[in-house]
């Protein structure tokens, strides 16, 4: 199964430039070093959610790989079991 996204691992780094008014995060791949996403958060208490969102995005390649073995055991008819949910999540991630 070919993947078109930048391979992991991805990491979250704070954007701590002194001229930034908001709490921002940069999600980047480590090998090769590429910026995946730049997240800007306002100062109205959303910073806590923004950091959690950044960590979830950075975990995406690892989560995808962790789910792949479960998809092999999905049911013939889609249901709500863990294996079928894993297969659906993988399809969503891969745009299928």
N, C-alpha and C. Protein backbone atom coordinates (compact mmCIF):
# COMPACT_ATOMS: atom_id res chain seq x y z
N UNK A 1 0.85 -1.17 0.00
CA UNK A 1 0.00 0.00 0.00
C UNK A 1 0.90 1.24 0.00
N UNK A 2 0.85 2.02 -1.06
CA UNK A 2 1.69 3.20 -1.19
C UNK A 2 1.15 4.33 -0.32
N UNK A 3 2.06 5.00 0.38
CA UNK A 3 1.66 6.17 1.15
C UNK A 3 2.24 7.40 0.48
N UNK A 4 1.47 8.47 0.47
CA UNK A 4 1.89 9.69 -0.20
C UNK A 4 2.25 10.79 0.80
N UNK A 5 2.12 10.51 2.08
CA UNK A 5 2.44 11.52 3.07
C UNK A 5 3.91 11.42 3.47
N UNK A 6 4.38 12.48 4.11
CA UNK A 6 5.76 12.50 4.59
C UNK A 6 5.89 11.47 5.72
N UNK A 7 6.88 10.59 5.63
CA UNK A 7 7.01 9.56 6.65
C UNK A 7 7.35 10.16 8.02
N UNK A 8 6.93 9.45 9.06
CA UNK A 8 7.24 9.86 10.43
C UNK A 8 8.64 9.47 10.79
N UNK A 9 9.08 9.75 11.96
CA UNK A 9 8.28 10.36 13.01
C UNK A 9 8.10 11.87 12.81
N UNK A 10 6.97 12.37 13.35
CA UNK A 10 6.69 13.79 13.36
C UNK A 10 6.82 14.28 14.80
N UNK A 11 7.23 15.51 14.97
CA UNK A 11 7.41 16.08 16.30
C UNK A 11 6.72 17.44 16.39
N UNK A 12 6.43 17.86 17.62
CA UNK A 12 5.82 19.17 17.87
C UNK A 12 6.87 20.04 18.52
N UNK A 13 7.06 21.21 17.97
CA UNK A 13 7.97 22.19 18.56
C UNK A 13 7.20 23.48 18.78
N UNK A 14 7.42 24.14 19.92
CA UNK A 14 6.78 25.44 20.10
C UNK A 14 7.44 26.47 19.19
N UNK A 15 6.64 27.37 18.69
CA UNK A 15 7.16 28.49 17.90
C UNK A 15 7.35 29.64 18.89
N UNK A 16 8.54 29.71 19.44
CA UNK A 16 8.78 30.67 20.51
C UNK A 16 9.51 31.93 20.05
N UNK A 17 9.24 32.33 18.82
CA UNK A 17 9.82 33.58 18.36
C UNK A 17 9.29 34.72 19.22
N UNK A 18 10.14 35.64 19.64
CA UNK A 18 9.71 36.68 20.57
C UNK A 18 8.67 37.64 20.00
N UNK A 19 8.57 37.76 18.69
CA UNK A 19 7.62 38.70 18.11
C UNK A 19 6.23 38.09 17.91
N UNK A 20 6.02 36.85 18.33
CA UNK A 20 4.73 36.19 18.15
C UNK A 20 3.83 36.50 19.35
N UNK A 21 2.62 36.98 19.07
CA UNK A 21 1.66 37.31 20.12
C UNK A 21 0.92 36.07 20.61
N UNK A 22 0.81 35.06 19.79
CA UNK A 22 0.02 33.89 20.13
C UNK A 22 0.93 32.70 20.38
N UNK A 23 0.35 31.68 20.94
CA UNK A 23 1.08 30.45 21.22
C UNK A 23 0.95 29.54 20.00
N UNK A 24 2.02 29.37 19.27
CA UNK A 24 2.00 28.62 18.02
C UNK A 24 2.81 27.34 18.16
N UNK A 25 2.51 26.37 17.32
CA UNK A 25 3.25 25.11 17.29
C UNK A 25 3.59 24.76 15.85
N UNK A 26 4.74 24.16 15.69
CA UNK A 26 5.18 23.69 14.39
C UNK A 26 5.28 22.18 14.46
N UNK A 27 4.62 21.50 13.55
CA UNK A 27 4.71 20.04 13.46
C UNK A 27 5.62 19.74 12.29
N UNK A 28 6.66 18.96 12.55
CA UNK A 28 7.62 18.70 11.48
C UNK A 28 8.04 17.23 11.48
N UNK A 29 8.47 16.80 10.32
CA UNK A 29 9.02 15.46 10.17
C UNK A 29 10.49 15.53 10.53
N UNK A 30 11.01 14.45 11.09
CA UNK A 30 12.42 14.48 11.48
C UNK A 30 13.36 14.04 10.37
N UNK A 31 12.94 13.09 9.54
CA UNK A 31 13.80 12.60 8.45
C UNK A 31 12.97 12.41 7.20
N UNK A 32 13.01 13.23 6.23
CA UNK A 32 13.78 14.46 6.14
C UNK A 32 13.11 15.54 6.97
N UNK A 33 13.87 16.54 7.36
CA UNK A 33 13.32 17.60 8.20
C UNK A 33 12.47 18.53 7.34
N UNK A 34 11.15 18.42 7.50
CA UNK A 34 10.20 19.22 6.74
C UNK A 34 9.10 19.71 7.68
N UNK A 35 8.62 20.91 7.46
CA UNK A 35 7.46 21.38 8.21
C UNK A 35 6.22 20.72 7.64
N UNK A 36 5.44 20.09 8.50
CA UNK A 36 4.19 19.45 8.11
C UNK A 36 3.04 20.42 8.28
N UNK A 37 3.05 21.13 9.39
CA UNK A 37 1.92 21.97 9.74
C UNK A 37 2.38 23.08 10.68
N UNK A 38 1.82 24.26 10.51
CA UNK A 38 2.04 25.37 11.43
C UNK A 38 0.70 25.69 12.05
N UNK A 39 0.61 25.61 13.36
CA UNK A 39 -0.65 25.86 14.05
C UNK A 39 -0.55 27.13 14.87
N UNK A 40 -1.50 28.02 14.66
CA UNK A 40 -1.56 29.28 15.39
C UNK A 40 -2.78 29.25 16.30
N UNK A 41 -2.60 29.61 17.56
CA UNK A 41 -3.67 29.58 18.55
C UNK A 41 -3.83 30.96 19.16
N UNK A 42 -5.06 31.36 19.41
CA UNK A 42 -5.27 32.67 20.02
C UNK A 42 -5.01 32.60 21.52
N UNK A 43 -5.02 33.71 22.16
CA UNK A 43 -4.70 33.79 23.57
C UNK A 43 -5.91 33.69 24.48
N UNK A 44 -7.03 33.17 24.02
CA UNK A 44 -8.25 33.11 24.81
C UNK A 44 -8.49 31.74 25.41
N UNK A 45 -7.47 31.10 25.91
CA UNK A 45 -7.63 29.81 26.56
C UNK A 45 -7.62 28.63 25.60
N UNK A 46 -7.45 28.89 24.33
CA UNK A 46 -7.46 27.80 23.35
C UNK A 46 -6.07 27.17 23.23
N UNK A 47 -5.07 27.78 23.80
CA UNK A 47 -3.70 27.26 23.70
C UNK A 47 -3.61 25.82 24.18
N UNK A 48 -4.30 25.51 25.27
CA UNK A 48 -4.29 24.16 25.81
C UNK A 48 -4.83 23.16 24.78
N UNK A 49 -5.91 23.50 24.10
CA UNK A 49 -6.46 22.63 23.07
C UNK A 49 -5.54 22.58 21.87
N UNK A 50 -4.96 23.71 21.52
CA UNK A 50 -4.06 23.76 20.37
C UNK A 50 -2.86 22.85 20.53
N UNK A 51 -2.28 22.84 21.71
CA UNK A 51 -1.13 21.97 21.95
C UNK A 51 -1.55 20.51 21.87
N UNK A 52 -2.71 20.17 22.42
CA UNK A 52 -3.20 18.79 22.35
C UNK A 52 -3.48 18.40 20.90
N UNK A 53 -4.05 19.32 20.11
CA UNK A 53 -4.28 19.05 18.69
C UNK A 53 -2.97 18.82 17.96
N UNK A 54 -1.97 19.63 18.27
CA UNK A 54 -0.66 19.47 17.63
C UNK A 54 -0.06 18.11 17.94
N UNK A 55 -0.17 17.67 19.19
CA UNK A 55 0.37 16.35 19.56
C UNK A 55 -0.36 15.23 18.83
N UNK A 56 -1.69 15.37 18.68
CA UNK A 56 -2.47 14.35 17.97
C UNK A 56 -2.06 14.28 16.50
N UNK A 57 -1.90 15.42 15.87
CA UNK A 57 -1.46 15.45 14.47
C UNK A 57 -0.08 14.82 14.34
N UNK A 58 0.82 15.16 15.24
CA UNK A 58 2.19 14.62 15.18
C UNK A 58 2.20 13.10 15.37
N UNK A 59 1.23 12.56 16.08
CA UNK A 59 1.16 11.12 16.31
C UNK A 59 0.55 10.36 15.14
N UNK A 60 0.00 11.06 14.15
CA UNK A 60 -0.75 10.41 13.06
C UNK A 60 0.03 9.29 12.36
N UNK A 61 1.29 9.47 11.95
CA UNK A 61 1.98 8.36 11.28
C UNK A 61 2.12 7.13 12.18
N UNK A 62 2.39 7.35 13.47
CA UNK A 62 2.53 6.24 14.41
C UNK A 62 1.19 5.53 14.63
N UNK A 63 0.12 6.31 14.74
CA UNK A 63 -1.21 5.72 14.91
C UNK A 63 -1.61 4.89 13.70
N UNK A 64 -1.31 5.40 12.52
CA UNK A 64 -1.64 4.67 11.29
C UNK A 64 -0.92 3.33 11.26
N UNK A 65 0.35 3.33 11.57
CA UNK A 65 1.11 2.07 11.55
C UNK A 65 0.62 1.11 12.63
N UNK A 66 0.22 1.64 13.78
CA UNK A 66 -0.28 0.78 14.87
C UNK A 66 -1.60 0.13 14.50
N UNK A 67 -2.41 0.79 13.66
CA UNK A 67 -3.71 0.25 13.28
C UNK A 67 -3.64 -0.78 12.15
N UNK A 68 -2.63 -0.69 11.32
CA UNK A 68 -2.57 -1.56 10.13
C UNK A 68 -2.76 -3.05 10.42
N UNK A 69 -2.14 -3.64 11.45
CA UNK A 69 -2.34 -5.08 11.68
C UNK A 69 -3.79 -5.45 11.99
N UNK A 70 -4.53 -4.56 12.64
CA UNK A 70 -5.91 -4.86 12.99
C UNK A 70 -6.82 -4.89 11.77
N UNK A 71 -6.49 -4.12 10.76
CA UNK A 71 -7.31 -4.07 9.55
C UNK A 71 -7.33 -5.41 8.81
N UNK A 72 -6.29 -6.20 9.00
CA UNK A 72 -6.23 -7.51 8.34
C UNK A 72 -7.27 -8.48 8.88
N UNK A 73 -7.81 -8.19 10.05
CA UNK A 73 -8.78 -9.09 10.68
C UNK A 73 -10.18 -8.50 10.71
N UNK A 74 -10.46 -7.52 9.85
CA UNK A 74 -11.78 -6.91 9.81
C UNK A 74 -12.80 -7.91 9.26
N UNK A 75 -14.03 -7.69 9.62
CA UNK A 75 -15.14 -8.58 9.20
C UNK A 75 -15.44 -8.40 7.71
N UNK A 76 -16.12 -9.39 7.15
CA UNK A 76 -16.54 -9.28 5.75
C UNK A 76 -17.58 -8.18 5.58
N UNK A 77 -18.46 -8.05 6.56
CA UNK A 77 -19.46 -6.98 6.56
C UNK A 77 -19.02 -5.94 7.58
N UNK A 78 -18.94 -4.67 7.19
CA UNK A 78 -18.52 -3.65 8.17
C UNK A 78 -19.44 -3.62 9.39
N UNK A 79 -18.83 -3.54 10.54
CA UNK A 79 -19.57 -3.42 11.79
C UNK A 79 -18.83 -2.42 12.68
N UNK A 80 -19.10 -2.43 13.95
CA UNK A 80 -18.47 -1.46 14.85
C UNK A 80 -17.38 -2.11 15.70
N UNK A 81 -16.86 -3.26 15.28
CA UNK A 81 -15.80 -3.91 16.05
C UNK A 81 -14.50 -3.12 15.86
N UNK A 82 -13.54 -3.36 16.72
CA UNK A 82 -12.27 -2.64 16.67
C UNK A 82 -11.56 -2.81 15.33
N UNK A 83 -11.60 -4.00 14.79
CA UNK A 83 -10.91 -4.26 13.54
C UNK A 83 -11.53 -3.49 12.38
N UNK A 84 -12.86 -3.46 12.33
CA UNK A 84 -13.54 -2.72 11.26
C UNK A 84 -13.32 -1.22 11.43
N UNK A 85 -13.30 -0.75 12.66
CA UNK A 85 -13.03 0.67 12.90
C UNK A 85 -11.60 1.01 12.51
N UNK A 86 -10.66 0.09 12.73
CA UNK A 86 -9.27 0.32 12.31
C UNK A 86 -9.20 0.42 10.79
N UNK A 87 -9.88 -0.48 10.10
CA UNK A 87 -9.88 -0.45 8.63
C UNK A 87 -10.48 0.87 8.12
N UNK A 88 -11.58 1.32 8.74
CA UNK A 88 -12.22 2.58 8.32
C UNK A 88 -11.31 3.78 8.58
N UNK A 89 -10.62 3.78 9.71
CA UNK A 89 -9.71 4.89 10.03
C UNK A 89 -8.55 4.94 9.06
N UNK A 90 -8.02 3.78 8.69
CA UNK A 90 -6.93 3.73 7.71
C UNK A 90 -7.41 4.24 6.37
N UNK A 91 -8.58 3.82 5.93
CA UNK A 91 -9.13 4.28 4.66
C UNK A 91 -9.31 5.79 4.68
N UNK A 92 -9.78 6.34 5.78
CA UNK A 92 -9.96 7.78 5.91
C UNK A 92 -8.61 8.50 5.81
N UNK A 93 -7.60 7.98 6.49
CA UNK A 93 -6.27 8.59 6.47
C UNK A 93 -5.65 8.56 5.08
N UNK A 94 -5.94 7.50 4.33
CA UNK A 94 -5.34 7.34 3.01
C UNK A 94 -6.22 7.90 1.89
N UNK A 95 -7.37 8.48 2.25
CA UNK A 95 -8.26 9.08 1.25
C UNK A 95 -8.97 8.07 0.39
N UNK A 96 -9.29 6.91 0.95
CA UNK A 96 -9.96 5.85 0.19
C UNK A 96 -11.42 5.79 0.51
